[in-house]
Amino acid sequence: MPTEEQKPIESSTPTESTKTLDLDSTKPEPPKTITFKKTKFFIFLSLGILLALAAIIGSYFLGQNSVKNDVVAKKDEAVAKKEEIPDVVEVNLGEEGTAKNGIAIKLEEAKIDQVYESQKEESKKVIQRTSTNSAYLDSEYYKTSNLLLKVSLRNTKDKALSYSQADFRLKDSEDNQYTTSGAYEGQSTPTLYTINPGETTKLNQAYIVPTSEKSFKLIYQNVVVDFSL
């Protein structure tokens, strides 16, 4: 039997032009590259460094100024703490000054206790001979002295007046105050003494003070006696 003429089968393979078209249409776009100019980068970097340096320098000077103000404030506070005595009567060694209560005082003598100094020296020698620890020689005992004062008191009133050893205060050139040795020993309140009208009496005071200190003030009420060793 005659067979039907077979038709050639059309190829489904795309042609070159079709291939190229399809590839071109599906080909991804190249990524966009961001270009950064070196000049701008260095400008911004320099500005950042300058701002950082300005902040550091500003904080430094601010700190210096605050420290300076703090020191000034502390000095002012120290000055403000110094005692101000109303109606002060200032005298020197050997001069008489009358206090508000009517007792006239005079510092007759001020000297370092040489017995105390000799005891210190003997103690030093013993330690140097018997001890290998020289730290004992750095104790406060070897840096202090016993200051002896002889004071006269005169009653200028027509009535009896009283006083106490604790009424007398000693201050050094830095306004540090010292109390008299033995004024309060074993006593809850200081002992009061009486001076009759027109009477004069003597008083011996002792103070432990730094050996290096040479300028002092003896204060009784509003009378201040300045003296140096």
C-alpha atoms as a PDB file:
ATOM      1  CA  MET A   1       0.000   0.000   0.000  1.00  0.00           C
ATOM      2  CA  PRO A   2       1.219   3.313  -0.853  1.00  0.00           C
ATOM      3  CA  THR A   3       2.269   5.183   2.249  1.00  0.00           C
ATOM      4  CA  GLU A   4       1.600   8.778   2.858  1.00  0.00           C
ATOM      5  CA  GLU A   5       4.457  11.002   2.177  1.00  0.00           C
ATOM      6  CA  GLN A   6       6.147  11.652   5.347  1.00  0.00           C
ATOM      7  CA  LYS A   7       6.548  15.326   6.205  1.00  0.00           C
ATOM      8  CA  PRO A   8       9.764  16.399   7.601  1.00  0.00           C
ATOM      9  CA  ILE A   9       9.578  17.039  11.349  1.00  0.00           C
ATOM     10  CA  GLU A  10      10.211  20.629  12.161  1.00  0.00           C
ATOM     11  CA  SER A  11      12.938  21.042  14.630  1.00  0.00           C
ATOM     12  CA  SER A  12      12.016  22.814  17.828  1.00  0.00           C
ATOM     13  CA  THR A  13      15.634  23.856  18.319  1.00  0.00           C
ATOM     14  CA  PRO A  14      15.845  27.639  18.228  1.00  0.00           C
ATOM     15  CA  THR A  15      18.007  29.280  15.699  1.00  0.00           C
ATOM     16  CA  GLU A  16      21.189  31.191  16.513  1.00  0.00           C
ATOM     17  CA  SER A  17      19.421  34.477  16.327  1.00  0.00           C
ATOM     18  CA  THR A  18      16.766  33.280  18.722  1.00  0.00           C
ATOM     19  CA  LYS A  19      19.405  32.014  21.098  1.00  0.00           C
ATOM     20  CA  THR A  20      21.193  35.267  21.065  1.00  0.00           C
ATOM     21  CA  LEU A  21      18.000  37.180  21.660  1.00  0.00           C
ATOM     22  CA  ASP A  22      16.982  35.008  24.543  1.00  0.00           C
ATOM     23  CA  LEU A  23      20.396  35.225  26.151  1.00  0.00           C
ATOM     24  CA  ASP A  24      20.481  38.949  25.787  1.00  0.00           C
ATOM     25  CA  SER A  25      17.069  39.341  27.326  1.00  0.00           C
ATOM     26  CA  THR A  26      17.883  37.154  30.345  1.00  0.00           C
ATOM     27  CA  LYS A  27      21.430  38.391  30.904  1.00  0.00           C
ATOM     28  CA  PRO A  28      21.593  40.119  34.339  1.00  0.00           C
ATOM     29  CA  GLU A  29      22.590  43.728  34.515  1.00  0.00           C
ATOM     30  CA  PRO A  30      26.096  44.328  35.828  1.00  0.00           C
ATOM     31  CA  PRO A  31      26.155  45.581  39.484  1.00  0.00           C
ATOM     32  CA  LYS A  32      26.474  49.274  39.963  1.00  0.00           C
ATOM     33  CA  THR A  33      29.771  50.268  41.418  1.00  0.00           C
ATOM     34  CA  ILE A  34      29.963  53.192  43.832  1.00  0.00           C
ATOM     35  CA  THR A  35      32.959  55.325  43.185  1.00  0.00           C
ATOM     36  CA  PHE A  36      34.370  57.230  46.160  1.00  0.00           C
ATOM     37  CA  LYS A  37      36.674  60.066  45.487  1.00  0.00           C
ATOM     38  CA  LYS A  38      39.824  60.004  47.571  1.00  0.00           C
ATOM     39  CA  THR A  39      39.901  63.784  47.909  1.00  0.00           C
ATOM     40  CA  LYS A  40      36.537  63.958  49.702  1.00  0.00           C
ATOM     41  CA  PHE A  41      37.513  61.052  51.983  1.00  0.00           C
ATOM     42  CA  PHE A  42      40.633  62.803  53.206  1.00  0.00           C
ATOM     43  CA  ILE A  43      38.752  66.083  53.703  1.00  0.00           C
ATOM     44  CA  PHE A  44      36.145  64.415  55.943  1.00  0.00           C
ATOM     45  CA  LEU A  45      38.837  62.460  57.798  1.00  0.00           C
ATOM     46  CA  SER A  46      40.826  65.640  58.463  1.00  0.00           C
ATOM     47  CA  LEU A  47      37.720  67.449  59.706  1.00  0.00           C
ATOM     48  CA  GLY A  48      36.945  64.584  62.087  1.00  0.00           C
ATOM     49  CA  ILE A  49      40.468  64.611  63.505  1.00  0.00           C
ATOM     50  CA  LEU A  50      40.383  68.384  63.974  1.00  0.00           C
ATOM     51  CA  LEU A  51      37.054  68.204  65.805  1.00  0.00           C
ATOM     52  CA  ALA A  52      38.359  65.442  68.080  1.00  0.00           C
ATOM     53  CA  LEU A  53      41.506  67.441  68.875  1.00  0.00           C
ATOM     54  CA  ALA A  54      39.436  70.552  69.599  1.00  0.00           C
ATOM     55  CA  ALA A  55      37.263  68.590  72.018  1.00  0.00           C
ATOM     56  CA  ILE A  56      40.310  67.143  73.825  1.00  0.00           C
ATOM     57  CA  ILE A  57      42.043  70.538  74.109  1.00  0.00           C
ATOM     58  CA  GLY A  58      38.838  72.194  75.294  1.00  0.00           C
ATOM     59  CA  SER A  59      38.271  69.584  78.000  1.00  0.00           C
ATOM     60  CA  TYR A  60      41.912  69.910  79.134  1.00  0.00           C
ATOM     61  CA  PHE A  61      41.707  73.672  79.631  1.00  0.00           C
ATOM     62  CA  LEU A  62      38.302  73.316  81.261  1.00  0.00           C
ATOM     63  CA  GLY A  63      39.805  70.840  83.729  1.00  0.00           C
ATOM     64  CA  GLN A  64      42.781  73.111  84.401  1.00  0.00           C
ATOM     65  CA  ASN A  65      40.461  76.019  85.069  1.00  0.00           C
ATOM     66  CA  SER A  66      38.307  73.987  87.456  1.00  0.00           C
ATOM     67  CA  VAL A  67      41.402  72.802  89.362  1.00  0.00           C
ATOM     68  CA  LYS A  68      42.616  76.402  89.614  1.00  0.00           C
ATOM     69  CA  ASN A  69      39.247  77.564  90.909  1.00  0.00           C
ATOM     70  CA  ASP A  70      39.198  74.672  93.384  1.00  0.00           C
ATOM     71  CA  VAL A  71      42.634  75.626  94.748  1.00  0.00           C
ATOM     72  CA  VAL A  72      41.565  79.264  95.100  1.00  0.00           C
ATOM     73  CA  ALA A  73      38.391  78.190  96.889  1.00  0.00           C
ATOM     74  CA  LYS A  74      40.378  76.025  99.289  1.00  0.00           C
ATOM     75  CA  LYS A  75      42.742  78.894 100.035  1.00  0.00           C
ATOM     76  CA  ASP A  76      39.809  81.203 100.713  1.00  0.00           C
ATOM     77  CA  GLU A  77      38.279  78.635 103.046  1.00  0.00           C
ATOM     78  CA  ALA A  78      41.577  78.304 104.920  1.00  0.00           C
ATOM     79  CA  VAL A  79      41.782  82.071 105.343  1.00  0.00           C
ATOM     80  CA  ALA A  80      38.150  82.220 106.451  1.00  0.00           C
ATOM     81  CA  LYS A  81      38.839  79.640 109.182  1.00  0.00           C
ATOM     82  CA  LYS A  82      41.403  81.879 110.905  1.00  0.00           C
ATOM     83  CA  GLU A  83      40.065  83.224 114.155  1.00  0.00           C
ATOM     84  CA  GLU A  84      38.959  86.830 114.361  1.00  0.00           C
ATOM     85  CA  ILE A  85      38.881  88.219 117.900  1.00  0.00           C
ATOM     86  CA  PRO A  86      36.565  91.210 118.513  1.00  0.00           C
ATOM     87  CA  ASP A  87      38.135  94.193 120.302  1.00  0.00           C
ATOM     88  CA  VAL A  88      41.516  92.490 120.157  1.00  0.00           C
ATOM     89  CA  VAL A  89      44.365  93.872 122.290  1.00  0.00           C
ATOM     90  CA  GLU A  90      47.720  92.921 120.758  1.00  0.00           C
ATOM     91  CA  VAL A  91      50.898  93.040 122.845  1.00  0.00           C
ATOM     92  CA  ASN A  92      54.385  91.549 122.713  1.00  0.00           C
ATOM     93  CA  LEU A  93      56.517  89.586 125.147  1.00  0.00           C
ATOM     94  CA  GLY A  94      57.011  91.620 128.324  1.00  0.00           C
ATOM     95  CA  GLU A  95      54.078  93.959 127.624  1.00  0.00           C
ATOM     96  CA  GLU A  96      50.826  94.055 129.596  1.00  0.00           C
ATOM     97  CA  GLY A  97      47.366  93.845 128.054  1.00  0.00           C
ATOM     98  CA  THR A  98      44.040  94.111 129.881  1.00  0.00           C
ATOM     99  CA  ALA A  99      41.279  91.687 128.980  1.00  0.00           C
ATOM    100  CA  LYS A 100      37.554  92.443 128.923  1.00  0.00           C
ATOM    101  CA  ASN A 101      37.029  90.842 132.330  1.00  0.00           C
ATOM    102  CA  GLY A 102      39.524  93.235 133.955  1.00  0.00           C
ATOM    103  CA  ILE A 103      42.490  90.871 134.326  1.00  0.00           C
ATOM    104  CA  ALA A 104      45.717  92.335 132.928  1.00  0.00           C
ATOM    105  CA  ILE A 105      48.128  89.676 131.665  1.00  0.00           C
ATOM    106  CA  LYS A 106      51.810  89.875 130.800  1.00  0.00           C
ATOM    107  CA  LEU A 107      53.929  87.132 129.255  1.00  0.00           C
ATOM    108  CA  GLU A 108      57.151  87.442 131.184  1.00  0.00           C
ATOM    109  CA  GLU A 109      59.095  84.505 129.781  1.00  0.00           C
ATOM    110  CA  ALA A 110      58.890  81.942 126.957  1.00  0.00           C
ATOM    111  CA  LYS A 111      61.499  79.194 126.638  1.00  0.00           C
ATOM    112  CA  ILE A 112      61.999  75.579 125.561  1.00  0.00           C
ATOM    113  CA  ASP A 113      62.268  73.062 128.381  1.00  0.00           C
ATOM    114  CA  GLN A 114      65.906  71.918 128.253  1.00  0.00           C
ATOM    115  CA  VAL A 115      65.238  68.973 130.576  1.00  0.00           C
ATOM    116  CA  TYR A 116      62.771  67.658 128.001  1.00  0.00           C
ATOM    117  CA  GLU A 117      65.349  68.160 125.247  1.00  0.00           C
ATOM    118  CA  SER A 118      68.023  66.309 127.246  1.00  0.00           C
ATOM    119  CA  GLN A 119      65.648  63.405 127.804  1.00  0.00           C
ATOM    120  CA  LYS A 120      65.031  63.198 124.057  1.00  0.00           C
ATOM    121  CA  GLU A 121      68.740  63.126 123.313  1.00  0.00           C
ATOM    122  CA  GLU A 122      69.397  60.409 125.909  1.00  0.00           C
ATOM    123  CA  SER A 123      66.529  58.366 124.524  1.00  0.00           C
ATOM    124  CA  LYS A 124      67.946  58.712 121.006  1.00  0.00           C
ATOM    125  CA  LYS A 125      71.333  57.443 122.139  1.00  0.00           C
ATOM    126  CA  VAL A 126      69.803  54.416 123.854  1.00  0.00           C
ATOM    127  CA  ILE A 127      67.808  53.500 120.742  1.00  0.00           C
ATOM    128  CA  GLN A 128      70.830  53.920 118.487  1.00  0.00           C
ATOM    129  CA  ARG A 129      72.885  51.609 120.722  1.00  0.00           C
ATOM    130  CA  THR A 130      70.320  48.915 121.407  1.00  0.00           C
ATOM    131  CA  SER A 131      67.931  48.862 118.448  1.00  0.00           C
ATOM    132  CA  THR A 132      68.434  48.115 114.778  1.00  0.00           C
ATOM    133  CA  ASN A 133      65.087  49.694 113.926  1.00  0.00           C
ATOM    134  CA  SER A 134      65.680  53.406 113.295  1.00  0.00           C
ATOM    135  CA  ALA A 135      61.937  53.958 112.717  1.00  0.00           C
ATOM    136  CA  TYR A 136      61.583  54.724 116.419  1.00  0.00           C
ATOM    137  CA  LEU A 137      63.532  57.925 115.853  1.00  0.00           C
ATOM    138  CA  ASP A 138      60.861  59.111 113.395  1.00  0.00           C
ATOM    139  CA  SER A 139      58.137  59.152 116.036  1.00  0.00           C
ATOM    140  CA  GLU A 140      56.382  62.406 116.956  1.00  0.00           C
ATOM    141  CA  TYR A 141      58.091  62.470 120.338  1.00  0.00           C
ATOM    142  CA  TYR A 142      61.423  63.370 118.740  1.00  0.00           C
ATOM    143  CA  LYS A 143      59.829  66.104 116.623  1.00  0.00           C
ATOM    144  CA  THR A 144      58.251  68.011 119.517  1.00  0.00           C
ATOM    145  CA  SER A 145      59.418  70.222 122.358  1.00  0.00           C
ATOM    146  CA  ASN A 146      57.977  71.377 125.665  1.00  0.00           C
ATOM    147  CA  LEU A 147      57.316  75.121 125.607  1.00  0.00           C
ATOM    148  CA  LEU A 148      57.306  76.787 129.038  1.00  0.00           C
ATOM    149  CA  LEU A 149      55.523  80.114 129.606  1.00  0.00           C
ATOM    150  CA  LYS A 150      55.547  82.316 132.685  1.00  0.00           C
ATOM    151  CA  VAL A 151      52.545  84.628 132.843  1.00  0.00           C
ATOM    152  CA  SER A 152      51.613  87.289 135.402  1.00  0.00           C
ATOM    153  CA  LEU A 153      47.965  88.187 136.058  1.00  0.00           C
ATOM    154  CA  ARG A 154      46.812  91.392 137.760  1.00  0.00           C
ATOM    155  CA  ASN A 155      43.293  92.238 138.898  1.00  0.00           C
ATOM    156  CA  THR A 156      42.448  95.782 137.768  1.00  0.00           C
ATOM    157  CA  LYS A 157      38.892  95.723 139.149  1.00  0.00           C
ATOM    158  CA  ASP A 158      37.510  96.466 142.622  1.00  0.00           C
ATOM    159  CA  LYS A 159      36.071  92.984 142.961  1.00  0.00           C
ATOM    160  CA  ALA A 160      37.465  89.458 142.977  1.00  0.00           C
ATOM    161  CA  LEU A 161      37.941  87.862 139.553  1.00  0.00           C
ATOM    162  CA  SER A 162      38.418  84.241 138.580  1.00  0.00           C
ATOM    163  CA  TYR A 163      40.492  82.553 135.874  1.00  0.00           C
ATOM    164  CA  SER A 164      41.523  79.079 134.755  1.00  0.00           C
ATOM    165  CA  GLN A 165      44.562  77.600 133.010  1.00  0.00           C
ATOM    166  CA  ALA A 166      42.197  76.420 130.288  1.00  0.00           C
ATOM    167  CA  ASP A 167      41.337  80.063 129.501  1.00  0.00           C
ATOM    168  CA  PHE A 168      44.772  80.429 127.885  1.00  0.00           C
ATOM    169  CA  ARG A 169      45.213  79.199 124.324  1.00  0.00           C
ATOM    170  CA  LEU A 170      48.374  78.891 122.283  1.00  0.00           C
ATOM    171  CA  LYS A 171      48.477  79.183 118.474  1.00  0.00           C
ATOM    172  CA  ASP A 172      51.335  78.916 116.005  1.00  0.00           C
ATOM    173  CA  SER A 173      52.021  80.790 112.762  1.00  0.00           C
ATOM    174  CA  GLU A 174      49.668  78.431 110.881  1.00  0.00           C
ATOM    175  CA  ASP A 175      46.815  79.086 113.353  1.00  0.00           C
ATOM    176  CA  ASN A 176      47.090  75.587 114.844  1.00  0.00           C
ATOM    177  CA  GLN A 177      45.956  75.577 118.463  1.00  0.00           C
ATOM    178  CA  TYR A 178      47.610  73.765 121.376  1.00  0.00           C
ATOM    179  CA  THR A 179      46.235  73.015 124.837  1.00  0.00           C
ATOM    180  CA  THR A 180      48.248  73.335 128.001  1.00  0.00           C
ATOM    181  CA  SER A 181      49.797  70.188 129.464  1.00  0.00           C
ATOM    182  CA  GLY A 182      47.907  69.001 132.545  1.00  0.00           C
ATOM    183  CA  ALA A 183      45.120  71.593 132.384  1.00  0.00           C
ATOM    184  CA  TYR A 184      42.467  68.882 132.207  1.00  0.00           C
ATOM    185  CA  GLU A 185      44.264  65.882 133.683  1.00  0.00           C
ATOM    186  CA  GLY A 186      41.760  63.852 135.693  1.00  0.00           C
ATOM    187  CA  GLN A 187      39.276  66.739 135.710  1.00  0.00           C
ATOM    188  CA  SER A 188      35.843  66.946 134.134  1.00  0.00           C
ATOM    189  CA  THR A 189      35.944  70.758 134.487  1.00  0.00           C
ATOM    190  CA  PRO A 190      38.966  73.068 134.755  1.00  0.00           C
ATOM    191  CA  THR A 191      39.999  74.417 138.149  1.00  0.00           C
ATOM    192  CA  LEU A 192      39.062  78.057 138.826  1.00  0.00           C
ATOM    193  CA  TYR A 193      41.393  80.392 140.692  1.00  0.00           C
ATOM    194  CA  THR A 194      40.548  83.727 142.287  1.00  0.00           C
ATOM    195  CA  ILE A 195      42.444  87.034 142.206  1.00  0.00           C
ATOM    196  CA  ASN A 196      41.483  89.693 144.743  1.00  0.00           C
ATOM    197  CA  PRO A 197      41.257  93.380 143.793  1.00  0.00           C
ATOM    198  CA  GLY A 198      44.719  94.834 143.107  1.00  0.00           C
ATOM    199  CA  GLU A 199      46.400  91.439 143.514  1.00  0.00           C
ATOM    200  CA  THR A 200      49.014  90.033 141.116  1.00  0.00           C
ATOM    201  CA  THR A 201      49.710  86.329 140.700  1.00  0.00           C
ATOM    202  CA  LYS A 202      52.000  84.155 138.591  1.00  0.00           C
ATOM    203  CA  LEU A 203      51.032  81.289 136.315  1.00  0.00           C
ATOM    204  CA  ASN A 204      53.225  78.668 134.640  1.00  0.00           C
ATOM    205  CA  GLN A 205      51.933  77.105 131.416  1.00  0.00           C
ATOM    206  CA  ALA A 206      53.428  74.213 129.419  1.00  0.00           C
ATOM    207  CA  TYR A 207      52.620  73.259 125.814  1.00  0.00           C
ATOM    208  CA  ILE A 208      53.897  70.414 123.621  1.00  0.00           C
ATOM    209  CA  VAL A 209      54.686  72.056 120.260  1.00  0.00           C
ATOM    210  CA  PRO A 210      56.580  71.136 117.064  1.00  0.00           C
ATOM    211  CA  THR A 211      60.308  71.707 117.507  1.00  0.00           C
ATOM    212  CA  SER A 212      60.480  73.414 114.111  1.00  0.00           C
ATOM    213  CA  GLU A 213      57.858  76.047 115.033  1.00  0.00           C
ATOM    214  CA  LYS A 214      59.264  79.349 116.328  1.00  0.00           C
ATOM    215  CA  SER A 215      56.392  81.882 116.185  1.00  0.00           C
ATOM    216  CA  PHE A 216      53.426  81.770 118.565  1.00  0.00           C
ATOM    217  CA  LYS A 217      50.486  83.684 120.005  1.00  0.00           C
ATOM    218  CA  LEU A 218      49.226  83.340 123.561  1.00  0.00           C
ATOM    219  CA  ILE A 219      45.520  84.229 123.694  1.00  0.00           C
ATOM    220  CA  TYR A 220      43.531  85.132 126.795  1.00  0.00           C
ATOM    221  CA  GLN A 221      40.018  86.326 125.972  1.00  0.00           C
ATOM    222  CA  ASN A 222      40.638  89.326 123.675  1.00  0.00           C
ATOM    223  CA  VAL A 223      44.331  89.759 124.574  1.00  0.00           C
ATOM    224  CA  VAL A 224      46.832  88.338 122.064  1.00  0.00           C
ATOM    225  CA  VAL A 225      50.520  88.157 122.978  1.00  0.00           C
ATOM    226  CA  ASP A 226      52.849  87.705 119.983  1.00  0.00           C
ATOM    227  CA  PHE A 227      56.258  86.165 120.640  1.00  0.00           C
ATOM    228  CA  SER A 228      59.033  84.210 118.933  1.00  0.00           C
ATOM    229  CA  LEU A 229      61.613  81.781 120.269  1.00  0.00           C
END
